[in-house]
């Protein structure tokens, strides 16, 4: 659950990978 809170502060890696694909 704590990992989820960290994801809210920092952009999720999946989102970064999605932008990289664009």
Protein backbone atom coordinates (compact mmCIF):
# COMPACT_ATOMS: atom_id res chain seq x y z
CA UNK A 1 0.00 0.00 0.00
CA UNK A 2 2.89 2.35 0.79
CA UNK A 3 4.23 1.80 -2.73
CA UNK A 4 0.93 3.13 -4.11
CA UNK A 5 1.31 6.36 -2.13
CA UNK A 6 4.80 6.85 -3.56
CA UNK A 7 3.37 6.37 -7.05
CA UNK A 8 1.00 9.29 -6.46
CA UNK A 9 3.89 11.64 -5.65
CA UNK A 10 6.05 10.46 -8.54
CA UNK A 11 4.67 9.67 -12.03
CA UNK A 12 4.20 5.91 -12.50
CA UNK A 13 6.80 4.18 -14.68
CA UNK A 14 4.01 2.98 -16.98
CA UNK A 15 3.10 6.60 -17.76
CA UNK A 16 6.74 7.42 -18.54
CA UNK A 17 7.01 4.36 -20.80
CA UNK A 18 3.81 5.44 -22.56
CA UNK A 19 5.30 8.86 -23.33
CA UNK A 20 8.51 7.17 -24.48
CA UNK A 21 6.50 5.12 -26.99
CA UNK A 22 5.04 8.33 -28.41
